[in-house]
Protein backbone atom coordinates (compact mmCIF):
# COMPACT_ATOMS: atom_id res chain seq x y z
CA MET A 1 -0.15 -0.06 -0.04
CA LYS A 2 1.23 3.46 -0.43
CA ARG A 3 2.65 5.40 2.50
CA LEU A 4 2.34 9.09 3.28
CA PRO A 5 4.06 11.38 0.85
CA LEU A 6 5.17 14.05 3.22
CA PHE A 7 7.87 17.04 3.22
CA VAL A 8 9.16 19.35 5.81
CA SER A 9 6.55 22.20 6.64
CA ALA A 10 9.17 24.93 5.37
CA MET A 11 8.48 23.86 1.81
CA VAL A 12 4.71 25.56 1.75
CA LEU A 13 2.31 26.19 -0.89
CA ALA A 14 2.42 29.88 -0.48
CA MET A 15 3.66 30.56 -3.91
CA ALA A 16 0.06 29.74 -4.91
CA GLY A 17 -0.68 33.17 -3.56
CA CYS A 18 0.98 35.09 -6.54
CA ALA A 19 -1.49 33.52 -8.72
CA ASN A 20 -3.77 36.64 -8.56
CA ASP A 21 -4.60 39.58 -6.47
CA SER A 22 -6.96 37.40 -3.91
CA PRO A 23 -5.87 37.91 -0.41
CA LEU A 24 -7.18 34.42 0.56
CA PHE A 25 -5.24 31.30 -0.26
CA VAL A 26 -4.26 28.13 0.97
CA THR A 27 -0.82 28.11 2.49
CA ASN A 28 -0.20 24.11 3.33
CA PHE A 29 -1.78 20.80 3.82
CA TYR A 30 -1.04 18.80 6.80
CA PRO A 31 -2.09 14.92 7.90
CA LEU A 32 -4.73 14.76 10.51
CA ASP A 33 -3.45 11.83 11.79
CA PRO A 34 0.49 11.98 11.45
CA ASP A 35 1.30 9.13 13.85
CA GLY A 36 -1.25 6.72 12.68
CA THR A 37 -3.20 6.37 15.70
CA GLY A 38 -6.72 7.48 14.65
CA GLU A 39 -6.49 10.85 16.19
CA CYS A 40 -8.03 14.02 14.69
CA ILE A 41 -5.25 16.88 15.07
CA ILE A 42 -6.24 19.80 13.27
CA LYS A 43 -3.36 22.36 13.67
CA ALA A 44 -0.29 22.90 11.56
CA GLY A 45 1.97 19.86 11.75
CA ASP A 46 5.69 19.19 11.78
CA ILE A 47 5.50 17.89 8.31
CA SER A 48 3.47 18.77 5.24
CA GLN A 49 1.70 16.52 2.70
CA TYR A 50 1.64 17.33 -0.95
CA SER A 51 0.03 14.18 -2.41
CA GLY A 52 -1.83 11.07 -1.31
CA GLY A 53 -3.56 7.98 -1.73
CA VAL A 54 -6.69 6.34 -0.51
CA ASP A 55 -8.43 2.67 -1.04
CA ILE A 56 -12.23 3.45 -1.22
CA SER A 57 -13.29 -0.09 -0.71
CA ALA A 58 -14.66 0.44 2.73
CA GLY A 59 -15.82 3.74 1.71
CA ALA A 60 -12.92 6.17 3.22
CA ASN A 61 -12.84 9.55 2.14
CA PHE A 62 -9.52 11.48 1.83
CA GLN A 63 -8.72 14.11 4.70
CA LEU A 64 -6.02 16.52 5.27
CA VAL A 65 -5.81 19.71 7.53
CA THR A 66 -5.74 22.54 5.04
CA ALA A 67 -4.34 25.84 6.25
CA LEU A 68 -6.07 29.00 5.02
CA ARG A 69 -4.63 32.72 5.25
CA SER A 70 -6.03 35.92 4.81
CA THR A 71 -3.54 38.80 3.94
CA MET A 72 -6.55 41.24 4.57
CA VAL A 73 -5.05 44.03 6.91
CA LYS A 74 -6.70 44.85 10.35
CA SER A 75 -8.65 47.73 10.63
CA ASN A 76 -8.96 50.38 13.58
CA ASN A 77 -12.64 50.99 12.37
CA THR A 78 -14.89 49.10 14.61
CA THR A 79 -18.27 49.70 12.58
CA VAL A 80 -19.83 47.98 9.40
CA ASP A 81 -22.21 50.31 7.78
CA SER A 82 -22.44 52.42 11.11
CA VAL A 83 -23.23 49.25 13.28
CA PRO A 84 -20.66 48.81 15.93
CA LEU A 85 -18.80 45.43 16.14
CA SER A 86 -18.90 43.71 19.35
CA ASN A 87 -16.78 40.82 20.96
CA GLY A 88 -13.67 41.78 19.19
CA ILE A 89 -14.91 40.97 15.61
CA GLU A 90 -12.56 42.40 13.00
CA ARG A 91 -14.39 44.01 10.38
CA ASN A 92 -11.99 42.67 7.61
CA THR A 93 -12.79 38.94 8.63
CA ILE A 94 -13.44 36.72 5.90
CA TYR A 95 -16.55 34.11 6.37
CA VAL A 96 -16.05 31.34 4.04
CA ASP A 97 -19.35 29.95 3.02
CA THR A 98 -18.57 27.62 0.08
CA ILE A 99 -15.94 25.12 -1.14
CA SER A 100 -15.67 24.44 -4.67
CA LEU A 101 -14.39 20.99 -5.71
CA THR A 102 -13.29 20.09 -9.33
CA TYR A 103 -12.13 16.57 -10.33
CA THR A 104 -10.19 15.70 -13.34
CA ALA A 105 -8.64 12.16 -14.02
CA PRO A 106 -7.09 11.14 -17.49
CA ALA A 107 -7.81 8.02 -18.93
CA THR A 108 -5.23 5.04 -18.56
CA GLU A 109 -4.91 1.53 -19.97
CA PHE A 110 -7.01 0.16 -17.14
CA TYR A 111 -9.64 2.66 -16.82
CA ARG A 112 -11.67 5.22 -18.84
CA SER A 113 -11.30 8.99 -18.14
CA MET A 114 -13.32 10.37 -15.09
CA GLU A 115 -15.93 12.55 -16.14
CA VAL A 116 -14.96 16.31 -15.24
CA THR A 117 -17.32 16.80 -12.09
CA SER A 118 -17.77 19.95 -10.01
CA GLU A 119 -19.64 20.44 -6.79
CA ARG A 120 -19.92 22.97 -4.15
CA VAL A 121 -19.82 22.24 -0.39
CA PRO A 122 -21.31 24.52 2.02
CA VAL A 123 -19.09 25.44 5.23
CA ALA A 124 -18.75 28.15 7.93
CA ILE A 125 -15.28 29.06 8.22
CA PRO A 126 -14.24 32.60 9.71
CA ILE A 127 -10.89 33.90 8.87
CA GLU A 128 -9.54 36.90 10.43
CA PRO A 129 -7.10 39.14 8.56
CA GLY A 130 -3.39 38.13 8.77
CA ASN A 131 -3.93 34.90 10.48
CA ASP A 132 -3.94 31.01 9.34
CA SER A 133 -7.01 29.16 9.96
CA PHE A 134 -6.86 25.28 10.07
CA ILE A 135 -10.05 23.24 8.94
CA ASN A 136 -10.53 19.30 8.59
CA MET A 137 -11.36 18.95 4.81
CA ALA A 138 -12.56 15.94 3.00
CA PHE A 139 -11.74 16.23 -0.60
CA PHE A 140 -14.58 14.28 -2.25
CA GLY A 141 -17.98 15.29 -2.13
CA PRO A 142 -20.92 13.14 -2.91
CA ALA A 143 -20.81 13.97 -6.59
CA GLY A 144 -17.05 13.38 -6.73
CA TYR A 145 -17.22 10.13 -4.86
CA THR A 146 -20.05 8.81 -7.11
CA ALA A 147 -17.99 9.56 -10.35
CA LEU A 148 -14.94 7.94 -8.76
CA ASN A 149 -16.99 4.65 -8.11
CA ASN A 150 -18.44 4.65 -11.63
CA VAL A 151 -14.81 4.82 -12.99
CA LEU A 152 -13.54 2.10 -10.51
CA ASP A 153 -16.55 -0.14 -10.85
CA ASN A 154 -16.22 -0.39 -14.67
CA PRO A 155 -12.59 -0.85 -15.57
CA ILE A 156 -11.22 -1.70 -19.28
CA THR A 157 -9.44 -4.74 -18.10
CA ASP A 158 -11.23 -7.61 -16.28
CA GLY A 159 -11.44 -7.20 -12.75
CA GLY A 160 -9.65 -3.96 -12.41
CA TYR A 161 -6.41 -5.63 -11.78
CA VAL A 162 -3.25 -6.88 -13.53
CA SER A 163 -1.24 -9.86 -12.56
CA ASP A 164 2.55 -9.76 -12.72
CA GLY A 165 4.25 -12.95 -11.83
CA GLY A 166 1.50 -14.09 -9.99
CA PHE A 167 1.42 -10.93 -8.05
CA LYS A 168 -1.92 -8.99 -8.16
CA PHE A 169 -2.22 -5.31 -7.75
CA PHE A 170 -5.04 -2.87 -8.32
CA PRO A 171 -4.09 0.21 -10.43
CA SER A 172 -5.25 3.47 -9.39
CA VAL A 173 -6.64 6.49 -10.98
CA GLY A 174 -4.84 9.70 -10.63
CA VAL A 175 -7.48 12.41 -9.47
CA LYS A 176 -6.58 16.19 -9.57
CA VAL A 177 -8.60 17.98 -6.91
CA LYS A 178 -8.97 21.89 -7.72
CA VAL A 179 -9.96 23.39 -4.48
CA GLU A 180 -11.40 26.95 -4.25
CA PHE A 181 -12.82 28.84 -1.32
CA PHE A 182 -15.85 31.23 -1.50
CA GLY A 183 -16.98 33.68 1.26
CA ASP A 184 -17.86 37.22 2.23
CA ILE A 185 -15.91 40.05 3.59
CA LEU A 186 -17.64 41.36 6.81
CA SER A 187 -16.97 44.84 5.52
CA GLY A 188 -18.20 44.32 2.29
CA GLY A 189 -17.61 42.11 -0.85
CA ARG A 190 -17.52 38.79 -2.14
CA ILE A 191 -14.21 37.11 -2.14
CA ARG A 192 -12.83 34.01 -4.21
CA SER A 193 -9.43 32.24 -3.19
CA VAL A 194 -6.42 31.45 -4.91
CA PRO A 195 -7.16 28.09 -6.77
CA VAL A 196 -4.91 25.07 -5.58
CA THR A 197 -4.78 21.30 -7.05
CA PHE A 198 -4.00 18.28 -4.94
CA PRO A 199 -3.14 15.06 -6.72
CA ILE A 200 -4.63 11.81 -5.07
CA ASP A 201 -4.18 8.39 -6.25
CA VAL A 202 -7.62 6.69 -5.79
CA TYR A 203 -8.13 2.87 -6.11
CA LYS A 204 -10.31 -0.16 -4.91
CA SER A 205 -8.52 -3.12 -3.53
CA GLY A 206 -11.60 -5.14 -3.53
CA PHE A 207 -11.05 -6.00 0.38
CA LYS A 208 -14.40 -6.96 2.12
CA CYS A 209 -15.08 -7.92 5.78
CA PRO A 210 -16.07 -11.37 6.34
CA ALA A 211 -19.87 -12.04 6.40
CA GLY A 212 -21.61 -10.66 9.23
CA GLN A 213 -18.80 -8.23 9.99
CA PHE A 214 -18.27 -4.46 9.11
CA PRO A 215 -15.16 -1.97 8.69
CA CYS A 216 -14.46 -0.38 12.18
CA PRO A 217 -14.13 3.52 12.43
CA THR A 218 -10.59 3.08 13.79
CA SER A 219 -8.85 5.27 11.17
CA ILE A 220 -8.26 9.15 10.73
CA CYS A 221 -10.75 11.13 12.81
CA GLY A 222 -13.04 8.03 13.28
CA SER A 223 -13.12 6.90 9.75
CA VAL A 224 -12.75 3.58 8.08
CA GLY A 225 -9.48 2.77 6.97
CA GLY A 226 -7.89 3.15 3.58
CA GLN A 227 -6.18 6.51 3.38
CA ASP A 228 -2.30 6.69 2.67
CA GLY A 229 -1.94 2.97 3.67
CA ARG A 230 -4.10 2.82 6.70
CA PRO A 231 -5.35 -0.76 7.13
CA ILE A 232 -8.92 -1.60 7.15
CA ILE A 233 -10.03 -3.24 10.18
CA CYS A 234 -13.09 -5.22 10.62
CA SER A 235 -15.07 -5.84 13.54
CA SER A 236 -14.90 -9.29 15.40
CA PRO A 237 -17.53 -11.64 16.39
CA ASP A 238 -19.20 -11.11 19.67
CA PRO A 239 -18.34 -14.06 21.80
CA ASP A 240 -21.53 -14.10 23.46
CA GLY A 241 -23.55 -14.08 20.20
CA GLY A 242 -24.42 -10.39 19.83
CA MET A 243 -23.58 -7.87 17.26
CA PRO A 244 -19.76 -7.85 16.13
CA VAL A 245 -17.47 -5.55 18.03
CA CYS A 246 -14.64 -3.11 17.18
CA PRO A 247 -11.51 -2.81 18.69
CA VAL A 248 -11.74 -0.36 21.74
CA LYS A 249 -9.31 2.50 21.41
CA LYS A 250 -6.66 2.90 24.29
């Protein structure tokens, strides 16, 4: 399975901010669970991630910490449209309300091309001027996930895998996810972030839990396994004859 492709956090994506004049841009991506313990750590990490992979056999999405920065300047003006602001709210705060996701994947010798799919996901993210904000972000919305399954479930080659010297492996689909954030500046005006594109290898290993069992939520942020080599762990039969049980996190 693929391991986490990582690099030191000094190599940030801030150069994307040069693409246009927008004051809102992504500066970095970080793993939510860098130690593989199933945690959900929403903050700047010691390492950054610039690509990834996910086995969606058990229904896993692809999740990362996304760092957003606003270069709006703080203002001494404490009113908006003559209405006083309270509780220390900054008038140049950006309220992001939408994430736009656009997916593309070229054809390979194993799969047809993925139909270009775009969707918008509603969110509520306040970003104060001059600060970084960190969010837990899933890179596939319902439409993207459906389009991926349509490609992976209908391979050109029989079974969606090839055999090399008796070793079976499942080819992936190289998906590029273009991410843009939309929102309003509290003091007035609609804003759109500098777009960034994140590459993800998506595949279906065909893994299934035994009959009567189910994938356990033991991976990143309580999800099932599959992202960046995290194993898919199945429940175990209840010795008393009840429902299958998942491992208890210690």
